[in-house]
Amino acid sequence: IYIYIYIYIYNFLNKTILEYLACHINTVIYSYINYKVEKKVKCKIQIYVY
């Protein structure tokens, strides 16, 4: 039981970290076009969407 919970948490953290990195890369691209404030907002919105 503990092993399954650990794997679930590990996969969840891996997923969120990968999504955060993908979000960060997207915001870096957006930052060339948009303002820094919009960059932060889009990053937060993308994280909440997942």
PDB file of N, CA and C in Angstrom:
ATOM      1  N   ILE A   1       0.858  -1.205   0.000  1.00  0.00           N
ATOM      2  CA  ILE A   1       0.000   0.000   0.000  1.00  0.00           C
ATOM      3  C   ILE A   1       0.884   1.241   0.000  1.00  0.00           C
ATOM      4  N   TYR A   2       1.889   1.273   0.845  1.00  0.00           N
ATOM      5  CA  TYR A   2       2.769   2.449   0.929  1.00  0.00           C
ATOM      6  C   TYR A   2       3.530   2.651  -0.376  1.00  0.00           C
ATOM      7  N   ILE A   3       3.904   1.546  -1.011  1.00  0.00           N
ATOM      8  CA  ILE A   3       4.655   1.653  -2.269  1.00  0.00           C
ATOM      9  C   ILE A   3       3.793   2.312  -3.343  1.00  0.00           C
ATOM     10  N   TYR A   4       2.536   1.921  -3.429  1.00  0.00           N
ATOM     11  CA  TYR A   4       1.643   2.498  -4.430  1.00  0.00           C
ATOM     12  C   TYR A   4       1.440   3.989  -4.164  1.00  0.00           C
ATOM     13  N   ILE A   5       1.282   4.366  -2.907  1.00  0.00           N
ATOM     14  CA  ILE A   5       1.111   5.778  -2.556  1.00  0.00           C
ATOM     15  C   ILE A   5       2.372   6.555  -2.919  1.00  0.00           C
ATOM     16  N   TYR A   6       3.532   5.982  -2.617  1.00  0.00           N
ATOM     17  CA  TYR A   6       4.801   6.649  -2.923  1.00  0.00           C
ATOM     18  C   TYR A   6       4.948   6.850  -4.430  1.00  0.00           C
ATOM     19  N   ILE A   7       4.631   5.804  -5.202  1.00  0.00           N
ATOM     20  CA  ILE A   7       4.731   5.914  -6.666  1.00  0.00           C
ATOM     21  C   ILE A   7       3.746   6.961  -7.174  1.00  0.00           C
ATOM     22  N   TYR A   8       2.546   6.998  -6.618  1.00  0.00           N
ATOM     23  CA  TYR A   8       1.537   7.971  -7.042  1.00  0.00           C
ATOM     24  C   TYR A   8       2.019   9.385  -6.765  1.00  0.00           C
ATOM     25  N   ILE A   9       2.547   9.606  -5.560  1.00  0.00           N
ATOM     26  CA  ILE A   9       3.053  10.933  -5.202  1.00  0.00           C
ATOM     27  C   ILE A   9       4.239  11.301  -6.090  1.00  0.00           C
ATOM     28  N   TYR A  10       5.128  10.345  -6.319  1.00  0.00           N
ATOM     29  CA  TYR A  10       6.306  10.593  -7.152  1.00  0.00           C
ATOM     30  C   TYR A  10       5.888  10.957  -8.577  1.00  0.00           C
ATOM     31  N   ASN A  11       4.944  10.204  -9.136  1.00  0.00           N
ATOM     32  CA  ASN A  11       4.448  10.510 -10.481  1.00  0.00           C
ATOM     33  C   ASN A  11       3.759  11.863 -10.517  1.00  0.00           C
ATOM     34  N   PHE A  12       3.003  12.171  -9.461  1.00  0.00           N
ATOM     35  CA  PHE A  12       2.309  13.465  -9.396  1.00  0.00           C
ATOM     36  C   PHE A  12       3.313  14.603  -9.365  1.00  0.00           C
ATOM     37  N   LEU A  13       4.358  14.468  -8.549  1.00  0.00           N
ATOM     38  CA  LEU A  13       5.387  15.509  -8.463  1.00  0.00           C
ATOM     39  C   LEU A  13       6.133  15.629  -9.786  1.00  0.00           C
ATOM     40  N   ASN A  14       6.468  14.506 -10.387  1.00  0.00           N
ATOM     41  CA  ASN A  14       7.146  14.531 -11.683  1.00  0.00           C
ATOM     42  C   ASN A  14       6.295  15.248 -12.719  1.00  0.00           C
ATOM     43  N   LYS A  15       5.002  14.941 -12.726  1.00  0.00           N
ATOM     44  CA  LYS A  15       4.083  15.551 -13.692  1.00  0.00           C
ATOM     45  C   LYS A  15       4.026  17.060 -13.475  1.00  0.00           C
ATOM     46  N   THR A  16       3.885  17.482 -12.218  1.00  0.00           N
ATOM     47  CA  THR A  16       3.755  18.910 -11.939  1.00  0.00           C
ATOM     48  C   THR A  16       5.052  19.640 -12.250  1.00  0.00           C
ATOM     49  N   ILE A  17       6.199  19.010 -11.965  1.00  0.00           N
ATOM     50  CA  ILE A  17       7.494  19.636 -12.267  1.00  0.00           C
ATOM     51  C   ILE A  17       7.669  19.781 -13.773  1.00  0.00           C
ATOM     52  N   LEU A  18       7.329  18.731 -14.529  1.00  0.00           N
ATOM     53  CA  LEU A  18       7.447  18.792 -15.986  1.00  0.00           C
ATOM     54  C   LEU A  18       6.512  19.851 -16.552  1.00  0.00           C
ATOM     55  N   GLU A  19       5.284  19.919 -16.016  1.00  0.00           N
ATOM     56  CA  GLU A  19       4.333  20.919 -16.491  1.00  0.00           C
ATOM     57  C   GLU A  19       4.807  22.313 -16.133  1.00  0.00           C
ATOM     58  N   TYR A  20       5.414  22.461 -14.924  1.00  0.00           N
ATOM     59  CA  TYR A  20       5.926  23.770 -14.527  1.00  0.00           C
ATOM     60  C   TYR A  20       7.070  24.196 -15.449  1.00  0.00           C
ATOM     61  N   LEU A  21       7.958  23.250 -15.783  1.00  0.00           N
ATOM     62  CA  LEU A  21       9.059  23.568 -16.696  1.00  0.00           C
ATOM     63  C   LEU A  21       8.530  23.927 -18.080  1.00  0.00           C
ATOM     64  N   ALA A  22       7.545  23.157 -18.556  1.00  0.00           N
ATOM     65  CA  ALA A  22       6.933  23.465 -19.850  1.00  0.00           C
ATOM     66  C   ALA A  22       6.288  24.844 -19.800  1.00  0.00           C
ATOM     67  N   CYS A  23       5.637  25.139 -18.691  1.00  0.00           N
ATOM     68  CA  CYS A  23       5.009  26.444 -18.502  1.00  0.00           C
ATOM     69  C   CYS A  23       6.076  27.523 -18.506  1.00  0.00           C
ATOM     70  N   HIS A  24       7.175  27.292 -17.839  1.00  0.00           N
ATOM     71  CA  HIS A  24       8.255  28.282 -17.760  1.00  0.00           C
ATOM     72  C   HIS A  24       8.831  28.546 -19.150  1.00  0.00           C
ATOM     73  N   ILE A  25       9.029  27.478 -19.925  1.00  0.00           N
ATOM     74  CA  ILE A  25       9.555  27.642 -21.283  1.00  0.00           C
ATOM     75  C   ILE A  25       8.572  28.436 -22.128  1.00  0.00           C
ATOM     76  N   ASN A  26       7.268  28.134 -21.988  1.00  0.00           N
ATOM     77  CA  ASN A  26       6.248  28.870 -22.728  1.00  0.00           C
ATOM     78  C   ASN A  26       6.256  30.341 -22.339  1.00  0.00           C
ATOM     79  N   THR A  27       6.415  30.635 -21.048  1.00  0.00           N
ATOM     80  CA  THR A  27       6.385  32.019 -20.590  1.00  0.00           C
ATOM     81  C   THR A  27       7.627  32.769 -21.058  1.00  0.00           C
ATOM     82  N   VAL A  28       8.747  32.073 -21.193  1.00  0.00           N
ATOM     83  CA  VAL A  28       9.945  32.714 -21.723  1.00  0.00           C
ATOM     84  C   VAL A  28       9.694  33.155 -23.163  1.00  0.00           C
ATOM     85  N   ILE A  29       9.030  32.277 -23.922  1.00  0.00           N
ATOM     86  CA  ILE A  29       8.688  32.628 -25.310  1.00  0.00           C
ATOM     87  C   ILE A  29       7.688  33.777 -25.316  1.00  0.00           C
ATOM     88  N   TYR A  30       6.678  33.697 -24.435  1.00  0.00           N
ATOM     89  CA  TYR A  30       5.675  34.758 -24.366  1.00  0.00           C
ATOM     90  C   TYR A  30       6.292  36.084 -23.939  1.00  0.00           C
ATOM     91  N   SER A  31       7.330  36.027 -23.107  1.00  0.00           N
ATOM     92  CA  SER A  31       7.905  37.249 -22.549  1.00  0.00           C
ATOM     93  C   SER A  31       8.520  38.119 -23.636  1.00  0.00           C
ATOM     94  N   TYR A  32       8.935  37.510 -24.738  1.00  0.00           N
ATOM     95  CA  TYR A  32       9.466  38.313 -25.841  1.00  0.00           C
ATOM     96  C   TYR A  32       8.366  39.132 -26.494  1.00  0.00           C
ATOM     97  N   ILE A  33       7.119  38.648 -26.380  1.00  0.00           N
ATOM     98  CA  ILE A  33       5.987  39.320 -27.018  1.00  0.00           C
ATOM     99  C   ILE A  33       5.239  40.184 -26.007  1.00  0.00           C
ATOM    100  N   ASN A  34       4.966  39.635 -24.834  1.00  0.00           N
ATOM    101  CA  ASN A  34       4.112  40.294 -23.844  1.00  0.00           C
ATOM    102  C   ASN A  34       4.925  40.901 -22.706  1.00  0.00           C
ATOM    103  N   TYR A  35       4.206  41.583 -21.800  1.00  0.00           N
ATOM    104  CA  TYR A  35       4.838  42.176 -20.622  1.00  0.00           C
ATOM    105  C   TYR A  35       5.119  41.107 -19.583  1.00  0.00           C
ATOM    106  N   LYS A  36       5.996  41.436 -18.621  1.00  0.00           N
ATOM    107  CA  LYS A  36       6.365  40.470 -17.583  1.00  0.00           C
ATOM    108  C   LYS A  36       5.177  40.110 -16.702  1.00  0.00           C
ATOM    109  N   VAL A  37       4.287  41.041 -16.455  1.00  0.00           N
ATOM    110  CA  VAL A  37       3.110  40.755 -15.624  1.00  0.00           C
ATOM    111  C   VAL A  37       2.226  39.712 -16.296  1.00  0.00           C
ATOM    112  N   GLU A  38       2.011  39.869 -17.598  1.00  0.00           N
ATOM    113  CA  GLU A  38       1.201  38.898 -18.334  1.00  0.00           C
ATOM    114  C   GLU A  38       1.878  37.533 -18.344  1.00  0.00           C
ATOM    115  N   LYS A  39       3.210  37.537 -18.385  1.00  0.00           N
ATOM    116  CA  LYS A  39       3.973  36.294 -18.359  1.00  0.00           C
ATOM    117  C   LYS A  39       3.659  35.509 -17.085  1.00  0.00           C
ATOM    118  N   LYS A  40       3.689  36.185 -15.946  1.00  0.00           N
ATOM    119  CA  LYS A  40       3.416  35.509 -14.677  1.00  0.00           C
ATOM    120  C   LYS A  40       1.970  35.016 -14.622  1.00  0.00           C
ATOM    121  N   VAL A  41       1.047  35.831 -15.098  1.00  0.00           N
ATOM    122  CA  VAL A  41      -0.363  35.443 -15.070  1.00  0.00           C
ATOM    123  C   VAL A  41      -0.595  34.218 -15.946  1.00  0.00           C
ATOM    124  N   LYS A  42      -0.019  34.213 -17.159  1.00  0.00           N
ATOM    125  CA  LYS A  42      -0.198  33.069 -18.052  1.00  0.00           C
ATOM    126  C   LYS A  42       0.395  31.810 -17.447  1.00  0.00           C
ATOM    127  N   CYS A  43       1.521  31.932 -16.780  1.00  0.00           N
ATOM    128  CA  CYS A  43       2.142  30.775 -16.154  1.00  0.00           C
ATOM    129  C   CYS A  43       1.215  30.200 -15.086  1.00  0.00           C
ATOM    130  N   LYS A  44       0.658  31.061 -14.242  1.00  0.00           N
ATOM    131  CA  LYS A  44      -0.248  30.601 -13.191  1.00  0.00           C
ATOM    132  C   LYS A  44      -1.496  29.974 -13.796  1.00  0.00           C
ATOM    133  N   ILE A  45      -2.028  30.593 -14.838  1.00  0.00           N
ATOM    134  CA  ILE A  45      -3.231  30.048 -15.481  1.00  0.00           C
ATOM    135  C   ILE A  45      -2.931  28.670 -16.054  1.00  0.00           C
ATOM    136  N   GLN A  46      -1.792  28.503 -16.722  1.00  0.00           N
ATOM    137  CA  GLN A  46      -1.449  27.206 -17.299  1.00  0.00           C
ATOM    138  C   GLN A  46      -1.289  26.141 -16.226  1.00  0.00           C
ATOM    139  N   ILE A  47      -0.711  26.505 -15.094  1.00  0.00           N
ATOM    140  CA  ILE A  47      -0.545  25.533 -14.008  1.00  0.00           C
ATOM    141  C   ILE A  47      -1.923  25.124 -13.469  1.00  0.00           C
ATOM    142  N   TYR A  48      -2.820  26.110 -13.291  1.00  0.00           N
ATOM    143  CA  TYR A  48      -4.142  25.790 -12.760  1.00  0.00           C
ATOM    144  C   TYR A  48      -4.975  24.962 -13.742  1.00  0.00           C
ATOM    145  N   VAL A  49      -4.751  25.174 -15.043  1.00  0.00           N
ATOM    146  CA  VAL A  49      -5.496  24.410 -16.043  1.00  0.00           C
ATOM    147  C   VAL A  49      -5.191  22.920 -15.909  1.00  0.00           C
ATOM    148  N   TYR A  50      -3.929  22.577 -15.700  1.00  0.00           N
ATOM    149  CA  TYR A  50      -3.577  21.178 -15.496  1.00  0.00           C
ATOM    150  C   TYR A  50      -4.099  20.696 -14.146  1.00  0.00           C
TER     151      TYR A  50
END
